[in-house]
């Protein structure tokens, strides 16, 4: 069987489906612009005379309160996409359109995810080895991890509001993989024949997925925080959790990813000793991996000791994500070194 052909077909199809999912989520955000908020109703109450207030029932005020979500044991229950408060008709046509586009986006994301898995598995069958021997293979595998984490969060916590940035990342990632990063199936170079290389790559993929999810949340945090500071939380932003909750969950992702990235660097050093006879040689990719580690160490240290929560911490996290992607893409394409396995 022509496994390589079917792998390419599945991955190209996944990039197209991820792009369609991105458009569906973009339509979801656009449809939410028609939704009104609770602010106008709240402002109208200011000018009501005291005598009139005494004759009013208190039920309308109860509708303006934020009701706790009964999410049971789910750890991310506080991040579930919530209906906009303060509207008298929660099942309006605008609400239904937002829900339809959102569900369509998730359904397309699941299809793209299954196609990505099929592409990765058939690539492994074609190569007769694990599919992470070059930048193309690492990219398609990393996208599987990122989208997989997102879908688990949608299932467990209903965080559909991450759909737009995640599907954008998946569409661009797989699109670049099949058009720019693609290389034909080939045996591993001798330096990669080590169990420590396998451990190093798997740890890098998992930590990279967590860094990307946390980085996306940090970007959304800055957008939501800016809207909250200006008292202009409208449209789909009303459906996002508070900026404080987004910041907290982003921190949890980075706190999970950082020790794993530390292990990635250590495992890479052990592999380097096996492959080249030294643990550390200041190769460009080794150096930039250390730079990324220092940035995220600074992020965690600033939050725990200096109290740098909120916008300052989010900016550091986004810089760390940019460093991660430069280490993966920029170093491979722009700099030559012992880690030049891109093959392009």
Protein backbone atom coordinates (compact mmCIF):
# COMPACT_ATOMS: atom_id res chain seq x y z
CA UNK A 1 0.00 0.00 0.00
CA UNK A 2 1.11 3.56 -0.70
CA UNK A 3 1.05 4.71 2.90
CA UNK A 4 2.99 7.90 2.15
CA UNK A 5 0.38 8.97 -0.43
CA UNK A 6 -2.51 8.35 1.98
CA UNK A 7 -0.63 10.18 4.74
CA UNK A 8 -0.19 13.24 2.53
CA UNK A 9 -3.84 13.10 1.45
CA UNK A 10 -5.07 12.88 5.05
CA UNK A 11 -2.87 15.75 6.23
CA UNK A 12 -3.80 18.04 3.34
CA UNK A 13 -7.45 17.26 4.04
CA UNK A 14 -6.95 17.99 7.74
CA UNK A 15 -5.46 21.40 6.95
CA UNK A 16 -8.50 22.22 4.79
CA UNK A 17 -10.95 20.99 7.42
CA UNK A 18 -9.16 22.93 10.18
CA UNK A 19 -9.45 26.04 7.99
CA UNK A 20 -13.20 25.42 7.60
CA UNK A 21 -13.46 24.99 11.37
CA UNK A 22 -11.64 28.28 11.83
CA UNK A 23 -14.14 30.03 9.53
CA UNK A 24 -17.02 28.48 11.48
CA UNK A 25 -15.61 29.78 14.76
CA UNK A 26 -14.97 33.17 13.15
CA UNK A 27 -18.65 33.21 12.12
CA UNK A 28 -19.52 32.28 15.72
CA UNK A 29 -17.63 35.32 17.02
CA UNK A 30 -19.14 37.53 14.32
CA UNK A 31 -22.69 36.36 15.08
CA UNK A 32 -22.14 37.16 18.76
CA UNK A 33 -21.68 40.84 17.86
CA UNK A 34 -25.46 41.05 17.50
CA UNK A 35 -25.97 39.97 21.09
CA UNK A 36 -26.81 42.72 23.54
CA UNK A 37 -25.46 42.96 27.06
CA UNK A 38 -26.86 43.76 30.48
CA UNK A 39 -25.22 47.16 30.82
CA UNK A 40 -28.02 49.30 29.29
CA UNK A 41 -30.65 47.77 31.57
CA UNK A 42 -28.44 48.30 34.60
CA UNK A 43 -27.89 51.96 33.74
CA UNK A 44 -31.64 52.59 33.38
CA UNK A 45 -32.16 51.65 37.02
CA UNK A 46 -30.04 54.54 38.22
CA UNK A 47 -32.68 57.19 37.55
CA UNK A 48 -35.60 55.38 39.18
CA UNK A 49 -37.11 57.30 42.11
CA UNK A 50 -36.87 55.74 45.60
CA UNK A 51 -40.65 55.53 45.92
CA UNK A 52 -40.81 53.60 42.69
CA UNK A 53 -38.05 51.29 43.84
CA UNK A 54 -40.13 50.34 46.86
CA UNK A 55 -42.90 49.11 44.62
CA UNK A 56 -40.64 47.01 42.42
CA UNK A 57 -40.05 43.33 42.92
CA UNK A 58 -36.52 42.14 43.45
CA UNK A 59 -36.62 39.36 40.88
CA UNK A 60 -35.23 41.49 38.01
CA UNK A 61 -32.09 42.14 40.06
CA UNK A 62 -31.64 38.42 40.59
CA UNK A 63 -31.41 37.99 36.84
CA UNK A 64 -28.39 40.30 36.75
CA UNK A 65 -26.39 38.27 39.24
CA UNK A 66 -23.82 35.74 38.10
CA UNK A 67 -25.15 32.32 39.03
CA UNK A 68 -22.57 29.69 40.00
CA UNK A 69 -22.13 26.87 37.55
CA UNK A 70 -22.78 23.41 38.91
CA UNK A 71 -19.89 21.66 37.18
CA UNK A 72 -19.29 18.95 39.74
CA UNK A 73 -15.71 17.72 39.91
CA UNK A 74 -14.62 19.16 36.57
CA UNK A 75 -11.39 21.14 37.11
CA UNK A 76 -12.12 23.69 34.37
CA UNK A 77 -15.81 24.21 35.12
CA UNK A 78 -15.27 27.89 35.78
CA UNK A 79 -14.09 28.35 32.18
CA UNK A 80 -17.17 26.93 30.44
CA UNK A 81 -18.60 29.17 27.72
CA UNK A 82 -21.46 30.94 29.45
CA UNK A 83 -24.61 32.56 28.05
CA UNK A 84 -24.62 36.35 28.05
CA UNK A 85 -26.26 37.67 31.18
CA UNK A 86 -29.04 40.21 31.24
CA UNK A 87 -30.97 39.20 28.13
CA UNK A 88 -34.66 38.42 28.41
CA UNK A 89 -34.62 35.96 25.49
CA UNK A 90 -31.68 33.56 25.90
CA UNK A 91 -32.99 31.44 23.01
CA UNK A 92 -33.11 34.28 20.53
CA UNK A 93 -32.22 33.85 16.87
CA UNK A 94 -28.81 35.43 17.48
CA UNK A 95 -28.10 32.94 20.27
CA UNK A 96 -29.09 30.05 18.07
CA UNK A 97 -26.81 31.23 15.28
CA UNK A 98 -23.87 31.51 17.67
CA UNK A 99 -24.57 28.01 18.98
CA UNK A 100 -24.92 26.54 15.50
CA UNK A 101 -21.67 28.03 14.25
CA UNK A 102 -19.87 26.95 17.43
CA UNK A 103 -21.06 23.36 17.19
CA UNK A 104 -20.18 23.29 13.51
CA UNK A 105 -16.66 24.48 14.36
CA UNK A 106 -16.18 21.77 16.99
CA UNK A 107 -17.53 19.06 14.66
CA UNK A 108 -15.14 20.13 11.90
CA UNK A 109 -12.27 20.24 14.39
CA UNK A 110 -12.99 16.64 15.39
CA UNK A 111 -12.94 15.59 11.73
CA UNK A 112 -9.68 17.45 11.17
CA UNK A 113 -8.22 15.84 14.29
CA UNK A 114 -9.11 12.33 13.09
CA UNK A 115 -7.60 13.09 9.68
CA UNK A 116 -4.43 14.34 11.39
CA UNK A 117 -4.17 11.13 13.42
CA UNK A 118 -4.66 9.09 10.25
CA UNK A 119 -1.94 11.12 8.52
CA UNK A 120 0.53 10.63 11.36
CA UNK A 121 -0.16 6.88 11.64
CA UNK A 122 0.14 6.23 7.90
CA UNK A 123 3.36 8.28 7.87
CA UNK A 124 4.69 5.95 10.57
CA UNK A 125 3.68 2.91 8.53
CA UNK A 126 5.36 4.35 5.45
CA UNK A 127 8.60 5.10 7.31
CA UNK A 128 8.57 1.90 9.45
CA UNK A 129 9.41 4.02 12.50
CA UNK A 130 7.98 6.63 14.83
CA UNK A 131 7.03 9.77 12.83
CA UNK A 132 9.29 12.37 14.40
CA UNK A 133 12.52 12.28 12.48
CA UNK A 134 12.37 15.80 10.98
CA UNK A 135 10.60 19.13 11.28
CA UNK A 136 7.69 18.04 9.07
CA UNK A 137 6.94 15.01 11.19
CA UNK A 138 7.35 16.87 14.48
CA UNK A 139 4.95 19.59 13.25
CA UNK A 140 2.15 17.21 12.33
CA UNK A 141 2.57 15.34 15.61
CA UNK A 142 2.63 18.56 17.68
CA UNK A 143 -0.63 19.71 16.04
CA UNK A 144 -2.24 16.41 17.04
CA UNK A 145 -1.24 17.05 20.67
CA UNK A 146 -2.45 20.67 20.63
CA UNK A 147 -5.84 19.91 19.08
CA UNK A 148 -6.21 16.82 21.27
CA UNK A 149 -5.75 18.88 24.44
CA UNK A 150 -8.25 21.45 23.17
CA UNK A 151 -10.89 18.81 22.37
CA UNK A 152 -10.48 17.22 25.80
CA UNK A 153 -11.06 20.64 27.35
CA UNK A 154 -14.15 21.16 25.19
CA UNK A 155 -15.48 17.79 26.30
CA UNK A 156 -14.68 18.23 29.98
CA UNK A 157 -15.23 21.96 30.42
CA UNK A 158 -16.96 23.36 27.36
CA UNK A 159 -14.17 25.84 26.55
CA UNK A 160 -15.35 26.31 22.98
CA UNK A 161 -14.13 29.91 23.09
CA UNK A 162 -10.62 28.58 22.42
CA UNK A 163 -11.78 27.20 19.09
CA UNK A 164 -10.89 30.16 16.88
CA UNK A 165 -7.20 30.53 17.86
CA UNK A 166 -6.63 26.77 18.14
CA UNK A 167 -8.08 25.98 14.71
CA UNK A 168 -6.13 28.91 13.24
CA UNK A 169 -2.93 27.44 14.69
CA UNK A 170 -3.83 23.94 13.46
CA UNK A 171 -4.70 25.12 9.94
CA UNK A 172 -1.50 27.16 9.63
CA UNK A 173 0.63 24.42 11.23
CA UNK A 174 -0.57 21.56 9.03
CA UNK A 175 -0.74 23.88 6.02
CA UNK A 176 2.91 24.84 6.40
CA UNK A 177 3.83 21.22 7.08
CA UNK A 178 2.39 19.91 3.81
CA UNK A 179 3.54 22.84 1.66
CA UNK A 180 6.83 24.15 3.11
CA UNK A 181 8.19 21.62 5.61
CA UNK A 182 7.37 18.46 3.66
CA UNK A 183 10.11 15.93 3.00
CA UNK A 184 9.81 12.44 1.57
CA UNK A 185 9.99 9.43 3.82
CA UNK A 186 13.59 8.53 4.66
CA UNK A 187 15.44 6.50 7.30
CA UNK A 188 16.58 8.22 10.50
CA UNK A 189 20.07 9.65 10.52
CA UNK A 190 22.43 7.67 12.79
CA UNK A 191 22.42 10.33 15.53
CA UNK A 192 18.69 9.82 16.09
CA UNK A 193 18.91 6.12 16.89
CA UNK A 194 18.55 6.49 20.65
CA UNK A 195 15.75 5.87 23.14
CA UNK A 196 16.62 9.22 24.71
CA UNK A 197 15.80 10.90 21.42
CA UNK A 198 12.30 9.37 21.55
CA UNK A 199 11.83 10.52 25.14
CA UNK A 200 13.17 13.96 24.26
CA UNK A 201 10.78 14.40 21.32
CA UNK A 202 7.64 13.17 23.11
CA UNK A 203 8.34 15.42 26.08
CA UNK A 204 8.95 18.37 23.75
CA UNK A 205 5.67 17.74 21.91
CA UNK A 206 3.59 17.52 25.09
CA UNK A 207 5.19 20.56 26.72
CA UNK A 208 4.90 22.44 23.42
CA UNK A 209 1.17 21.71 23.30
CA UNK A 210 0.77 23.07 26.83
CA UNK A 211 2.86 26.16 26.02
CA UNK A 212 0.68 26.84 22.96
CA UNK A 213 -2.63 26.45 24.81
CA UNK A 214 -1.32 28.67 27.61
CA UNK A 215 -0.03 31.22 25.11
CA UNK A 216 -3.39 31.37 23.32
CA UNK A 217 -5.09 31.91 26.68
CA UNK A 218 -2.63 34.70 27.50
CA UNK A 219 -3.51 36.48 24.25
CA UNK A 220 -7.22 36.13 24.99
CA UNK A 221 -6.57 37.35 28.52
CA UNK A 222 -5.05 40.60 27.23
CA UNK A 223 -8.01 41.13 24.89
CA UNK A 224 -10.58 40.46 27.62
CA UNK A 225 -8.70 42.51 30.24
CA UNK A 226 -8.49 45.51 27.89
CA UNK A 227 -12.22 45.31 27.25
CA UNK A 228 -12.96 45.02 30.97
CA UNK A 229 -10.77 48.02 31.80
CA UNK A 230 -12.63 50.09 29.22
CA UNK A 231 -16.00 48.71 30.34
CA UNK A 232 -16.62 47.59 26.75
CA UNK A 233 -17.13 43.85 27.05
CA UNK A 234 -19.41 43.21 24.09
CA UNK A 235 -20.10 40.47 21.58
CA UNK A 236 -18.40 37.13 22.06
CA UNK A 237 -16.13 38.52 24.79
CA UNK A 238 -19.17 38.45 27.07
CA UNK A 239 -19.19 34.67 26.73
CA UNK A 240 -15.60 34.31 27.87
CA UNK A 241 -14.80 33.80 31.57
CA UNK A 242 -13.42 36.75 33.49
CA UNK A 243 -9.86 37.79 32.67
CA UNK A 244 -8.77 36.68 36.15
CA UNK A 245 -9.97 33.11 35.52
CA UNK A 246 -8.34 32.99 32.08
CA UNK A 247 -5.05 34.17 33.60
CA UNK A 248 -5.26 31.52 36.32
CA UNK A 249 -5.80 28.62 33.93
CA UNK A 250 -3.06 29.87 31.60
CA UNK A 251 -0.72 29.84 34.60
CA UNK A 252 -1.69 26.23 35.35
CA UNK A 253 -0.75 25.20 31.81
CA UNK A 254 2.63 26.89 32.08
CA UNK A 255 3.22 25.39 35.51
CA UNK A 256 2.56 21.95 34.00
CA UNK A 257 4.67 22.54 30.88
CA UNK A 258 7.75 24.05 32.52
CA UNK A 259 8.98 20.94 34.42
CA UNK A 260 8.30 18.87 31.30
CA UNK A 261 10.32 21.32 29.19
CA UNK A 262 13.10 21.09 31.80
CA UNK A 263 13.03 17.31 31.37
CA UNK A 264 13.08 17.83 27.58
CA UNK A 265 16.31 19.83 27.84
CA UNK A 266 17.88 17.26 30.20
CA UNK A 267 16.86 14.31 28.01
CA UNK A 268 18.27 16.16 25.00
CA UNK A 269 21.58 16.59 26.80
CA UNK A 270 21.74 12.86 27.57
CA UNK A 271 20.91 12.07 23.95
CA UNK A 272 23.63 14.54 22.80
CA UNK A 273 26.23 12.70 24.89
CA UNK A 274 25.19 9.45 23.18
CA UNK A 275 25.18 10.99 19.69
CA UNK A 276 28.10 13.42 19.77
CA UNK A 277 30.09 12.56 22.90
CA UNK A 278 29.21 15.72 24.89
CA UNK A 279 26.23 16.79 26.98
CA UNK A 280 26.18 20.43 25.92
CA UNK A 281 27.89 22.20 23.05
CA UNK A 282 26.00 25.50 22.67
CA UNK A 283 24.51 24.36 19.39
CA UNK A 284 21.96 27.01 18.20
CA UNK A 285 18.94 24.83 19.01
CA UNK A 286 20.37 23.88 22.40
CA UNK A 287 21.03 27.52 23.15
CA UNK A 288 17.57 28.68 22.12
CA UNK A 289 15.92 25.87 24.07
CA UNK A 290 17.75 27.24 27.10
CA UNK A 291 16.58 30.78 26.25
CA UNK A 292 12.97 29.50 26.14
CA UNK A 293 13.51 27.75 29.47
CA UNK A 294 14.85 30.97 31.03
CA UNK A 295 11.85 33.00 29.78
CA UNK A 296 9.31 30.61 31.28
CA UNK A 297 11.37 30.32 34.46
CA UNK A 298 11.23 34.10 34.67
CA UNK A 299 7.45 33.97 34.13
CA UNK A 300 6.89 31.51 36.98
CA UNK A 301 9.36 33.30 39.26
CA UNK A 302 7.78 36.70 38.60
CA UNK A 303 4.32 35.38 39.43
CA UNK A 304 5.38 33.64 42.63
CA UNK A 305 7.76 36.23 44.11
CA UNK A 306 7.28 39.62 42.48
CA UNK A 307 3.51 39.37 42.15
CA UNK A 308 3.63 39.89 38.39
CA UNK A 309 0.18 38.58 37.63
CA UNK A 310 -2.11 39.81 34.91
CA UNK A 311 -0.88 41.74 31.90
CA UNK A 312 2.84 41.74 32.76
CA UNK A 313 2.89 37.97 33.20
CA UNK A 314 0.83 37.45 30.03
CA UNK A 315 3.34 39.48 27.99
CA UNK A 316 6.22 37.34 29.31
CA UNK A 317 4.26 34.18 28.46
CA UNK A 318 3.66 35.37 24.89
CA UNK A 319 7.36 36.20 24.51
CA UNK A 320 8.10 32.66 25.70
CA UNK A 321 5.75 31.23 23.08
CA UNK A 322 7.44 33.31 20.36
CA UNK A 323 10.81 31.99 21.56
CA UNK A 324 9.48 28.42 21.43
CA UNK A 325 8.34 28.78 17.82
CA UNK A 326 11.53 30.55 16.75
CA UNK A 327 13.53 27.71 18.28
CA UNK A 328 11.45 25.19 16.34
CA UNK A 329 10.99 26.94 12.98
CA UNK A 330 13.49 29.78 12.80
CA UNK A 331 16.54 27.85 13.98
CA UNK A 332 15.78 24.96 11.64
CA UNK A 333 15.36 27.20 8.59
CA UNK A 334 17.81 30.03 9.24
CA UNK A 335 20.70 28.52 11.19
CA UNK A 336 22.80 25.45 10.49
CA UNK A 337 23.87 23.18 13.30
CA UNK A 338 23.87 19.63 14.62
CA UNK A 339 20.07 19.78 14.94
CA UNK A 340 19.47 20.65 11.29
CA UNK A 341 17.08 17.80 10.51
CA UNK A 342 14.47 19.82 8.63
CA UNK A 343 15.55 18.30 5.33
CA UNK A 344 14.36 21.32 3.31
